[in-house]
Amino acid sequence: MVSHIASDNYLGGKLAGEYLVKALNGKGKVAVIDQPIVESTIQRVRGFEEVLRGSPEMHIVAKPNGDGVRDKAMKAAEDLLQGYPELNGIFGINDDSALGALSAIESAGRKGIVVVGFDAIPEARAAILRDSVLKADVVQNPLQIGQKTIETIDRYLRGETVPPLIPVEVRVVDKASLEKEK
């Protein structure tokens, strides 16, 4: 491998954490629906945890493994809702995790929980726009990944030294920013 070009997952986790801290006014009990065997999601969770360490009244109460799939994430969220009635935030490491949490929360009729996802797939964007508990999502930039890949290949083939890792920035979207994109 010449160079790894990918979303800055650590930054994405930090952005998700910052959104959740702000949405909960710096106080809350949150959970991460995790997938701890995948490097990208490990980095997301590390970034998220770093932000929460800076907010002493924010606590991660659990990090169940949802395997990055909706049905397992929904079951994990159901267990979280039963085990932690004071839970008021969930970070889903991808949109299937966030959408699984959303389904569990809506089925339980719970209010006052903020969910943040990662990927901003169309279904997640629609949930954010309909004002569900899924309030924000971290967006990756596949176009920029492609562009940087082509540029890096070109540089490498011309004999230039290329970095082993090229992170691509991510950003957070919420209802207000999605409405502006329309």
N, C-alpha and C. Protein backbone atom coordinates (compact mmCIF):
# COMPACT_ATOMS: atom_id res chain seq x y z
N MET A 1 0.85 -1.17 0.00
CA MET A 1 0.00 0.00 0.00
C MET A 1 0.90 1.24 0.00
N VAL A 2 0.56 2.16 -0.84
CA VAL A 2 1.31 3.41 -0.96
C VAL A 2 0.84 4.43 0.07
N SER A 3 -0.46 4.61 0.15
CA SER A 3 -1.03 5.61 1.05
C SER A 3 -2.47 5.22 1.35
N HIS A 4 -2.90 5.50 2.57
CA HIS A 4 -4.28 5.24 2.96
C HIS A 4 -5.02 6.57 3.00
N ILE A 5 -6.05 6.69 2.18
CA ILE A 5 -6.83 7.93 2.08
C ILE A 5 -8.23 7.61 2.57
N ALA A 6 -8.63 8.24 3.66
CA ALA A 6 -9.92 7.92 4.25
C ALA A 6 -10.42 9.08 5.08
N SER A 7 -11.70 8.99 5.43
CA SER A 7 -12.29 9.98 6.33
C SER A 7 -11.52 10.03 7.63
N ASP A 8 -11.44 11.20 8.21
CA ASP A 8 -10.81 11.37 9.51
C ASP A 8 -11.83 10.92 10.57
N ASN A 9 -11.82 9.63 10.85
CA ASN A 9 -12.80 9.06 11.76
C ASN A 9 -12.65 9.56 13.19
N TYR A 10 -11.44 9.81 13.61
CA TYR A 10 -11.20 10.36 14.95
C TYR A 10 -11.87 11.74 15.07
N LEU A 11 -11.65 12.58 14.07
CA LEU A 11 -12.30 13.89 14.04
C LEU A 11 -13.81 13.73 14.02
N GLY A 12 -14.31 12.79 13.24
CA GLY A 12 -15.75 12.56 13.19
C GLY A 12 -16.32 12.21 14.55
N GLY A 13 -15.61 11.37 15.29
CA GLY A 13 -16.05 11.03 16.64
C GLY A 13 -16.05 12.25 17.55
N LYS A 14 -15.02 13.08 17.40
CA LYS A 14 -14.96 14.31 18.20
C LYS A 14 -16.14 15.22 17.86
N LEU A 15 -16.44 15.35 16.57
CA LEU A 15 -17.57 16.21 16.17
C LEU A 15 -18.89 15.68 16.71
N ALA A 16 -19.06 14.36 16.68
CA ALA A 16 -20.27 13.76 17.24
C ALA A 16 -20.36 14.04 18.73
N GLY A 17 -19.24 13.90 19.42
CA GLY A 17 -19.20 14.19 20.86
C GLY A 17 -19.51 15.64 21.16
N GLU A 18 -18.92 16.54 20.38
CA GLU A 18 -19.17 17.97 20.59
C GLU A 18 -20.64 18.30 20.38
N TYR A 19 -21.26 17.69 19.36
CA TYR A 19 -22.68 17.95 19.12
C TYR A 19 -23.50 17.47 20.31
N LEU A 20 -23.21 16.26 20.78
CA LEU A 20 -23.98 15.69 21.88
C LEU A 20 -23.79 16.49 23.17
N VAL A 21 -22.57 16.89 23.46
CA VAL A 21 -22.31 17.71 24.65
C VAL A 21 -23.12 19.01 24.58
N LYS A 22 -23.10 19.65 23.43
CA LYS A 22 -23.84 20.91 23.27
C LYS A 22 -25.35 20.67 23.38
N ALA A 23 -25.84 19.63 22.72
CA ALA A 23 -27.28 19.35 22.73
C ALA A 23 -27.79 19.03 24.13
N LEU A 24 -26.92 18.44 24.95
CA LEU A 24 -27.32 18.07 26.31
C LEU A 24 -26.82 19.07 27.36
N ASN A 25 -26.38 20.22 26.91
CA ASN A 25 -25.89 21.28 27.80
C ASN A 25 -24.81 20.78 28.76
N GLY A 26 -23.97 19.89 28.26
CA GLY A 26 -22.82 19.43 29.04
C GLY A 26 -23.13 18.50 30.19
N LYS A 27 -24.37 17.99 30.26
CA LYS A 27 -24.76 17.09 31.34
C LYS A 27 -25.54 15.92 30.76
N GLY A 28 -25.13 14.71 31.11
CA GLY A 28 -25.93 13.60 30.65
C GLY A 28 -25.27 12.25 30.78
N LYS A 29 -26.10 11.25 30.60
CA LYS A 29 -25.65 9.86 30.56
C LYS A 29 -25.89 9.38 29.15
N VAL A 30 -24.81 8.99 28.52
CA VAL A 30 -24.88 8.61 27.12
C VAL A 30 -24.31 7.21 26.92
N ALA A 31 -24.64 6.65 25.78
CA ALA A 31 -24.12 5.33 25.40
C ALA A 31 -23.59 5.42 23.98
N VAL A 32 -22.73 4.49 23.66
CA VAL A 32 -22.21 4.34 22.31
C VAL A 32 -22.66 2.98 21.81
N ILE A 33 -23.34 2.95 20.68
CA ILE A 33 -23.60 1.65 20.05
C ILE A 33 -22.41 1.42 19.14
N ASP A 34 -21.58 0.49 19.56
CA ASP A 34 -20.22 0.34 19.08
C ASP A 34 -20.08 -0.80 18.07
N GLN A 35 -18.91 -0.88 17.50
CA GLN A 35 -18.46 -1.99 16.66
C GLN A 35 -16.94 -2.05 16.85
N PRO A 36 -16.51 -2.60 17.99
CA PRO A 36 -15.11 -2.42 18.41
C PRO A 36 -14.06 -3.24 17.67
N ILE A 37 -14.41 -3.90 16.59
CA ILE A 37 -13.41 -4.68 15.86
C ILE A 37 -12.99 -4.01 14.55
N VAL A 38 -13.59 -2.89 14.24
CA VAL A 38 -13.31 -2.19 12.98
C VAL A 38 -12.51 -0.93 13.31
N GLU A 39 -11.36 -0.76 12.66
CA GLU A 39 -10.47 0.36 12.99
C GLU A 39 -11.15 1.72 12.84
N SER A 40 -11.96 1.90 11.79
CA SER A 40 -12.60 3.21 11.60
C SER A 40 -13.54 3.53 12.76
N THR A 41 -14.28 2.53 13.23
CA THR A 41 -15.20 2.80 14.33
C THR A 41 -14.46 2.93 15.66
N ILE A 42 -13.35 2.21 15.80
CA ILE A 42 -12.52 2.39 17.00
C ILE A 42 -12.05 3.84 17.09
N GLN A 43 -11.62 4.40 15.96
CA GLN A 43 -11.17 5.79 15.94
C GLN A 43 -12.32 6.76 16.23
N ARG A 44 -13.51 6.46 15.72
CA ARG A 44 -14.67 7.31 15.99
C ARG A 44 -14.95 7.36 17.49
N VAL A 45 -14.93 6.20 18.12
CA VAL A 45 -15.22 6.13 19.55
C VAL A 45 -14.13 6.82 20.35
N ARG A 46 -12.88 6.66 19.95
CA ARG A 46 -11.79 7.36 20.66
C ARG A 46 -11.97 8.88 20.61
N GLY A 47 -12.32 9.40 19.45
CA GLY A 47 -12.57 10.84 19.34
C GLY A 47 -13.74 11.28 20.19
N PHE A 48 -14.81 10.50 20.17
CA PHE A 48 -16.00 10.78 20.97
C PHE A 48 -15.64 10.80 22.46
N GLU A 49 -14.91 9.78 22.90
CA GLU A 49 -14.54 9.69 24.31
C GLU A 49 -13.63 10.85 24.73
N GLU A 50 -12.76 11.28 23.84
CA GLU A 50 -11.87 12.40 24.18
C GLU A 50 -12.69 13.64 24.51
N VAL A 51 -13.69 13.92 23.69
CA VAL A 51 -14.53 15.10 23.94
C VAL A 51 -15.27 14.96 25.26
N LEU A 52 -15.83 13.78 25.52
CA LEU A 52 -16.59 13.61 26.75
C LEU A 52 -15.71 13.69 28.00
N ARG A 53 -14.46 13.32 27.89
CA ARG A 53 -13.54 13.47 29.03
C ARG A 53 -13.41 14.94 29.43
N GLY A 54 -13.61 15.84 28.50
CA GLY A 54 -13.54 17.27 28.79
C GLY A 54 -14.83 17.83 29.35
N SER A 55 -15.83 17.00 29.50
CA SER A 55 -17.12 17.43 30.06
C SER A 55 -17.42 16.55 31.28
N PRO A 56 -17.02 16.99 32.46
CA PRO A 56 -17.11 16.13 33.65
C PRO A 56 -18.52 15.69 34.03
N GLU A 57 -19.53 16.37 33.53
CA GLU A 57 -20.90 15.97 33.85
C GLU A 57 -21.54 15.12 32.75
N MET A 58 -20.72 14.70 31.80
CA MET A 58 -21.17 13.77 30.75
C MET A 58 -20.53 12.41 31.04
N HIS A 59 -21.33 11.37 31.03
CA HIS A 59 -20.81 10.04 31.37
C HIS A 59 -21.27 9.01 30.34
N ILE A 60 -20.32 8.22 29.87
CA ILE A 60 -20.66 7.08 29.01
C ILE A 60 -21.00 5.93 29.94
N VAL A 61 -22.25 5.49 29.90
CA VAL A 61 -22.70 4.43 30.81
C VAL A 61 -22.55 3.04 30.22
N ALA A 62 -22.48 2.94 28.89
CA ALA A 62 -22.36 1.62 28.26
C ALA A 62 -21.92 1.79 26.81
N LYS A 63 -21.28 0.73 26.30
CA LYS A 63 -20.86 0.70 24.90
C LYS A 63 -21.16 -0.68 24.31
N PRO A 64 -22.44 -1.02 24.17
CA PRO A 64 -22.76 -2.34 23.63
C PRO A 64 -22.35 -2.45 22.16
N ASN A 65 -22.02 -3.66 21.76
CA ASN A 65 -21.63 -3.92 20.38
C ASN A 65 -22.89 -4.17 19.55
N GLY A 66 -23.14 -3.30 18.60
CA GLY A 66 -24.26 -3.49 17.68
C GLY A 66 -23.81 -4.06 16.35
N ASP A 67 -22.53 -4.37 16.22
CA ASP A 67 -21.96 -4.96 15.00
C ASP A 67 -22.17 -4.12 13.75
N GLY A 68 -22.59 -2.87 13.91
CA GLY A 68 -22.77 -2.01 12.76
C GLY A 68 -24.00 -2.34 11.93
N VAL A 69 -24.90 -3.17 12.48
CA VAL A 69 -26.11 -3.55 11.74
C VAL A 69 -27.35 -3.15 12.53
N ARG A 70 -28.39 -2.81 11.82
CA ARG A 70 -29.56 -2.20 12.42
C ARG A 70 -30.27 -3.06 13.44
N ASP A 71 -30.51 -4.33 13.13
CA ASP A 71 -31.28 -5.16 14.06
C ASP A 71 -30.53 -5.38 15.38
N LYS A 72 -29.24 -5.58 15.31
CA LYS A 72 -28.45 -5.74 16.54
C LYS A 72 -28.35 -4.41 17.29
N ALA A 73 -28.25 -3.32 16.57
CA ALA A 73 -28.20 -2.01 17.21
C ALA A 73 -29.54 -1.69 17.89
N MET A 74 -30.63 -2.09 17.25
CA MET A 74 -31.95 -1.86 17.85
C MET A 74 -32.07 -2.65 19.16
N LYS A 75 -31.64 -3.90 19.15
CA LYS A 75 -31.68 -4.72 20.36
C LYS A 75 -30.79 -4.11 21.44
N ALA A 76 -29.59 -3.66 21.04
CA ALA A 76 -28.69 -3.01 22.00
C ALA A 76 -29.34 -1.78 22.60
N ALA A 77 -30.01 -0.99 21.77
CA ALA A 77 -30.68 0.22 22.26
C ALA A 77 -31.85 -0.13 23.17
N GLU A 78 -32.60 -1.17 22.84
CA GLU A 78 -33.69 -1.61 23.72
C GLU A 78 -33.15 -1.97 25.10
N ASP A 79 -32.03 -2.70 25.12
CA ASP A 79 -31.41 -3.07 26.39
C ASP A 79 -30.92 -1.83 27.15
N LEU A 80 -30.37 -0.87 26.42
CA LEU A 80 -29.91 0.37 27.05
C LEU A 80 -31.07 1.13 27.68
N LEU A 81 -32.18 1.22 26.97
CA LEU A 81 -33.34 1.95 27.48
C LEU A 81 -33.89 1.30 28.74
N GLN A 82 -33.87 -0.03 28.79
CA GLN A 82 -34.34 -0.73 29.99
C GLN A 82 -33.34 -0.63 31.14
N GLY A 83 -32.07 -0.75 30.81
CA GLY A 83 -31.04 -0.76 31.85
C GLY A 83 -30.65 0.60 32.37
N TYR A 84 -30.89 1.62 31.57
CA TYR A 84 -30.48 2.98 31.94
C TYR A 84 -31.64 3.95 31.66
N PRO A 85 -32.64 3.97 32.54
CA PRO A 85 -33.80 4.84 32.29
C PRO A 85 -33.44 6.33 32.23
N GLU A 86 -32.27 6.70 32.80
CA GLU A 86 -31.84 8.10 32.79
C GLU A 86 -31.04 8.44 31.53
N LEU A 87 -30.87 7.49 30.64
CA LEU A 87 -30.09 7.70 29.42
C LEU A 87 -30.68 8.85 28.61
N ASN A 88 -29.82 9.78 28.16
CA ASN A 88 -30.35 10.88 27.35
C ASN A 88 -29.53 11.16 26.10
N GLY A 89 -28.61 10.26 25.75
CA GLY A 89 -27.87 10.43 24.51
C GLY A 89 -27.29 9.13 24.01
N ILE A 90 -27.26 8.97 22.69
CA ILE A 90 -26.65 7.79 22.07
C ILE A 90 -25.85 8.23 20.86
N PHE A 91 -24.63 7.73 20.76
CA PHE A 91 -23.81 7.89 19.56
C PHE A 91 -23.80 6.55 18.85
N GLY A 92 -24.34 6.54 17.64
CA GLY A 92 -24.29 5.35 16.80
C GLY A 92 -23.09 5.45 15.88
N ILE A 93 -22.21 4.46 15.89
CA ILE A 93 -20.95 4.54 15.15
C ILE A 93 -21.14 4.53 13.64
N ASN A 94 -22.34 4.21 13.19
CA ASN A 94 -22.72 4.36 11.78
C ASN A 94 -24.22 4.58 11.74
N ASP A 95 -24.76 4.80 10.55
CA ASP A 95 -26.19 5.11 10.50
C ASP A 95 -27.07 3.91 10.79
N ASP A 96 -26.64 2.70 10.47
CA ASP A 96 -27.46 1.55 10.88
C ASP A 96 -27.57 1.49 12.39
N SER A 97 -26.49 1.80 13.09
CA SER A 97 -26.53 1.83 14.56
C SER A 97 -27.46 2.94 15.05
N ALA A 98 -27.35 4.12 14.47
CA ALA A 98 -28.19 5.25 14.88
C ALA A 98 -29.66 4.99 14.54
N LEU A 99 -29.92 4.43 13.37
CA LEU A 99 -31.31 4.16 12.97
C LEU A 99 -31.91 3.02 13.79
N GLY A 100 -31.10 2.05 14.19
CA GLY A 100 -31.56 1.00 15.10
C GLY A 100 -31.94 1.60 16.44
N ALA A 101 -31.11 2.52 16.94
CA ALA A 101 -31.42 3.21 18.20
C ALA A 101 -32.69 4.03 18.05
N LEU A 102 -32.82 4.73 16.94
CA LEU A 102 -34.03 5.52 16.68
C LEU A 102 -35.27 4.65 16.74
N SER A 103 -35.24 3.49 16.10
CA SER A 103 -36.39 2.58 16.11
C SER A 103 -36.73 2.14 17.52
N ALA A 104 -35.72 1.78 18.30
CA ALA A 104 -35.96 1.34 19.68
C ALA A 104 -36.56 2.47 20.52
N ILE A 105 -36.03 3.65 20.37
CA ILE A 105 -36.51 4.80 21.15
C ILE A 105 -37.95 5.14 20.77
N GLU A 106 -38.24 5.15 19.48
CA GLU A 106 -39.61 5.45 19.04
C GLU A 106 -40.58 4.36 19.49
N SER A 107 -40.17 3.09 19.40
CA SER A 107 -41.03 1.99 19.83
C SER A 107 -41.33 2.07 21.32
N ALA A 108 -40.35 2.52 22.09
CA ALA A 108 -40.53 2.64 23.54
C ALA A 108 -41.28 3.92 23.93
N GLY A 109 -41.49 4.81 22.96
CA GLY A 109 -42.17 6.07 23.24
C GLY A 109 -41.36 7.02 24.09
N ARG A 110 -40.05 6.85 24.06
CA ARG A 110 -39.17 7.70 24.88
C ARG A 110 -38.94 9.04 24.21
N LYS A 111 -38.85 10.05 25.02
CA LYS A 111 -38.55 11.41 24.56
C LYS A 111 -37.29 11.88 25.29
N GLY A 112 -36.72 12.96 24.83
CA GLY A 112 -35.60 13.56 25.53
C GLY A 112 -34.27 12.86 25.35
N ILE A 113 -34.18 12.00 24.36
CA ILE A 113 -32.91 11.33 24.06
C ILE A 113 -32.41 11.90 22.74
N VAL A 114 -31.14 12.24 22.69
CA VAL A 114 -30.53 12.76 21.47
C VAL A 114 -29.64 11.67 20.88
N VAL A 115 -29.87 11.38 19.60
CA VAL A 115 -29.07 10.39 18.89
C VAL A 115 -28.24 11.11 17.83
N VAL A 116 -26.98 10.74 17.75
CA VAL A 116 -26.08 11.25 16.71
C VAL A 116 -25.53 10.04 15.97
N GLY A 117 -25.57 10.10 14.64
CA GLY A 117 -25.08 9.00 13.81
C GLY A 117 -23.84 9.37 13.03
N PHE A 118 -23.50 8.48 12.09
CA PHE A 118 -22.29 8.68 11.29
C PHE A 118 -22.53 8.10 9.92
N ASP A 119 -22.45 8.88 8.89
CA ASP A 119 -22.52 8.54 7.47
C ASP A 119 -23.52 9.41 6.71
N ALA A 120 -24.60 9.82 7.36
CA ALA A 120 -25.61 10.68 6.74
C ALA A 120 -26.21 10.07 5.48
N ILE A 121 -26.62 8.80 5.60
CA ILE A 121 -27.31 8.17 4.47
C ILE A 121 -28.68 8.83 4.32
N PRO A 122 -29.32 8.69 3.16
CA PRO A 122 -30.60 9.38 2.93
C PRO A 122 -31.66 9.11 4.01
N GLU A 123 -31.76 7.89 4.48
CA GLU A 123 -32.75 7.58 5.52
C GLU A 123 -32.47 8.34 6.82
N ALA A 124 -31.21 8.47 7.16
CA ALA A 124 -30.85 9.21 8.37
C ALA A 124 -31.13 10.70 8.18
N ARG A 125 -30.81 11.22 7.01
CA ARG A 125 -31.10 12.63 6.73
C ARG A 125 -32.60 12.90 6.84
N ALA A 126 -33.40 11.98 6.31
CA ALA A 126 -34.86 12.14 6.38
C ALA A 126 -35.33 12.13 7.84
N ALA A 127 -34.75 11.26 8.65
CA ALA A 127 -35.13 11.20 10.07
C ALA A 127 -34.76 12.51 10.78
N ILE A 128 -33.62 13.06 10.45
CA ILE A 128 -33.21 14.34 11.05
C ILE A 128 -34.19 15.44 10.63
N LEU A 129 -34.53 15.46 9.36
CA LEU A 129 -35.43 16.50 8.85
C LEU A 129 -36.84 16.39 9.42
N ARG A 130 -37.28 15.18 9.76
CA ARG A 130 -38.63 15.04 10.33
C ARG A 130 -38.66 15.30 11.83
N ASP A 131 -37.52 15.75 12.35
CA ASP A 131 -37.41 16.16 13.76
C ASP A 131 -37.55 14.99 14.72
N SER A 132 -36.99 13.86 14.36
CA SER A 132 -36.96 12.70 15.24
C SER A 132 -35.89 12.91 16.32
N VAL A 133 -35.65 11.88 17.12
CA VAL A 133 -34.58 11.98 18.13
C VAL A 133 -33.20 11.87 17.49
N LEU A 134 -33.13 11.43 16.25
CA LEU A 134 -31.86 11.46 15.51
C LEU A 134 -31.66 12.91 15.08
N LYS A 135 -30.77 13.60 15.77
CA LYS A 135 -30.63 15.04 15.61
C LYS A 135 -29.48 15.46 14.71
N ALA A 136 -28.46 14.61 14.58
CA ALA A 136 -27.29 15.01 13.81
C ALA A 136 -26.57 13.78 13.28
N ASP A 137 -25.73 14.03 12.30
CA ASP A 137 -25.00 12.95 11.65
C ASP A 137 -23.66 13.49 11.15
N VAL A 138 -22.65 12.67 11.22
CA VAL A 138 -21.35 13.04 10.68
C VAL A 138 -21.32 12.62 9.21
N VAL A 139 -20.94 13.54 8.35
CA VAL A 139 -20.92 13.32 6.90
C VAL A 139 -19.50 13.08 6.43
N GLN A 140 -19.34 12.01 5.67
CA GLN A 140 -18.05 11.76 5.02
C GLN A 140 -18.07 12.43 3.65
N ASN A 141 -16.92 12.51 3.02
CA ASN A 141 -16.81 13.20 1.74
C ASN A 141 -16.17 12.27 0.70
N PRO A 142 -16.96 11.35 0.12
CA PRO A 142 -16.39 10.40 -0.84
C PRO A 142 -15.82 11.07 -2.09
N LEU A 143 -16.37 12.20 -2.49
CA LEU A 143 -15.82 12.91 -3.65
C LEU A 143 -14.39 13.36 -3.36
N GLN A 144 -14.18 13.93 -2.18
CA GLN A 144 -12.84 14.38 -1.83
C GLN A 144 -11.89 13.19 -1.65
N ILE A 145 -12.39 12.07 -1.13
CA ILE A 145 -11.56 10.87 -1.02
C ILE A 145 -11.10 10.44 -2.41
N GLY A 146 -12.02 10.43 -3.37
CA GLY A 146 -11.67 10.07 -4.74
C GLY A 146 -10.66 11.03 -5.35
N GLN A 147 -10.90 12.32 -5.16
CA GLN A 147 -9.98 13.32 -5.72
C GLN A 147 -8.59 13.19 -5.12
N LYS A 148 -8.52 13.02 -3.80
CA LYS A 148 -7.21 12.89 -3.15
C LYS A 148 -6.52 11.59 -3.58
N THR A 149 -7.30 10.56 -3.84
CA THR A 149 -6.72 9.30 -4.30
C THR A 149 -6.06 9.48 -5.66
N ILE A 150 -6.77 10.11 -6.59
CA ILE A 150 -6.21 10.35 -7.93
C ILE A 150 -4.97 11.23 -7.84
N GLU A 151 -5.05 12.30 -7.05
CA GLU A 151 -3.89 13.20 -6.88
C GLU A 151 -2.70 12.46 -6.29
N THR A 152 -2.96 11.60 -5.32
CA THR A 152 -1.87 10.86 -4.66
C THR A 152 -1.24 9.85 -5.61
N ILE A 153 -2.06 9.17 -6.39
CA ILE A 153 -1.53 8.22 -7.38
C ILE A 153 -0.65 8.97 -8.38
N ASP A 154 -1.14 10.11 -8.84
CA ASP A 154 -0.37 10.91 -9.79
C ASP A 154 0.98 11.32 -9.19
N ARG A 155 0.95 11.81 -7.97
CA ARG A 155 2.19 12.23 -7.31
C ARG A 155 3.15 11.04 -7.14
N TYR A 156 2.62 9.90 -6.76
CA TYR A 156 3.44 8.71 -6.55
C TYR A 156 4.07 8.26 -7.87
N LEU A 157 3.28 8.25 -8.93
CA LEU A 157 3.80 7.81 -10.23
C LEU A 157 4.83 8.78 -10.80
N ARG A 158 4.79 10.04 -10.34
CA ARG A 158 5.80 11.02 -10.76
C ARG A 158 7.04 10.97 -9.87
N GLY A 159 7.08 10.01 -8.95
CA GLY A 159 8.25 9.83 -8.11
C GLY A 159 8.28 10.65 -6.84
N GLU A 160 7.19 11.35 -6.54
CA GLU A 160 7.13 12.15 -5.32
C GLU A 160 6.85 11.25 -4.12
N THR A 161 7.29 11.68 -2.97
CA THR A 161 6.98 10.98 -1.73
C THR A 161 5.57 11.38 -1.31
N VAL A 162 4.77 10.39 -0.97
CA VAL A 162 3.41 10.67 -0.51
C VAL A 162 3.28 10.18 0.94
N PRO A 163 2.46 10.86 1.72
CA PRO A 163 2.30 10.45 3.12
C PRO A 163 1.60 9.09 3.22
N PRO A 164 1.90 8.32 4.25
CA PRO A 164 1.26 7.01 4.39
C PRO A 164 -0.22 7.10 4.74
N LEU A 165 -0.63 8.21 5.33
CA LEU A 165 -2.03 8.41 5.71
C LEU A 165 -2.45 9.81 5.31
N ILE A 166 -3.56 9.89 4.59
CA ILE A 166 -4.12 11.18 4.20
C ILE A 166 -5.56 11.22 4.70
N PRO A 167 -5.81 11.93 5.81
CA PRO A 167 -7.17 12.01 6.33
C PRO A 167 -8.00 13.02 5.54
N VAL A 168 -9.26 12.69 5.36
CA VAL A 168 -10.20 13.58 4.67
C VAL A 168 -11.18 14.11 5.72
N GLU A 169 -11.37 15.42 5.71
CA GLU A 169 -12.23 16.04 6.71
C GLU A 169 -13.67 15.57 6.60
N VAL A 170 -14.33 15.59 7.74
CA VAL A 170 -15.74 15.27 7.86
C VAL A 170 -16.43 16.47 8.51
N ARG A 171 -17.76 16.46 8.50
CA ARG A 171 -18.50 17.55 9.13
C ARG A 171 -19.80 17.01 9.70
N VAL A 172 -20.43 17.79 10.54
CA VAL A 172 -21.71 17.40 11.14
C VAL A 172 -22.83 18.11 10.41
N VAL A 173 -23.92 17.36 10.19
CA VAL A 173 -25.14 17.99 9.68
C VAL A 173 -26.24 17.79 10.71
N ASP A 174 -27.12 18.78 10.78
CA ASP A 174 -28.30 18.69 11.61
C ASP A 174 -29.47 19.23 10.79
N LYS A 175 -30.62 19.38 11.40
CA LYS A 175 -31.80 19.82 10.65
C LYS A 175 -31.57 21.17 9.96
N ALA A 176 -30.99 22.12 10.66
CA ALA A 176 -30.78 23.45 10.08
C ALA A 176 -29.86 23.39 8.87
N SER A 177 -28.76 22.67 8.98
CA SER A 177 -27.82 22.61 7.84
C SER A 177 -28.40 21.81 6.68
N LEU A 178 -29.17 20.77 6.98
CA LEU A 178 -29.79 20.00 5.89
C LEU A 178 -30.85 20.82 5.16
N GLU A 179 -31.59 21.64 5.90
CA GLU A 179 -32.59 22.50 5.25
C GLU A 179 -31.92 23.52 4.34
N LYS A 180 -30.74 24.00 4.71
CA LYS A 180 -30.01 24.94 3.86
C LYS A 180 -29.51 24.28 2.59
N GLU A 181 -29.24 22.97 2.64
CA GLU A 181 -28.73 22.24 1.48
C GLU A 181 -29.79 22.02 0.42
N LYS A 182 -31.06 22.12 0.81
CA LYS A 182 -32.15 21.83 -0.14
C LYS A 182 -32.14 22.77 -1.31
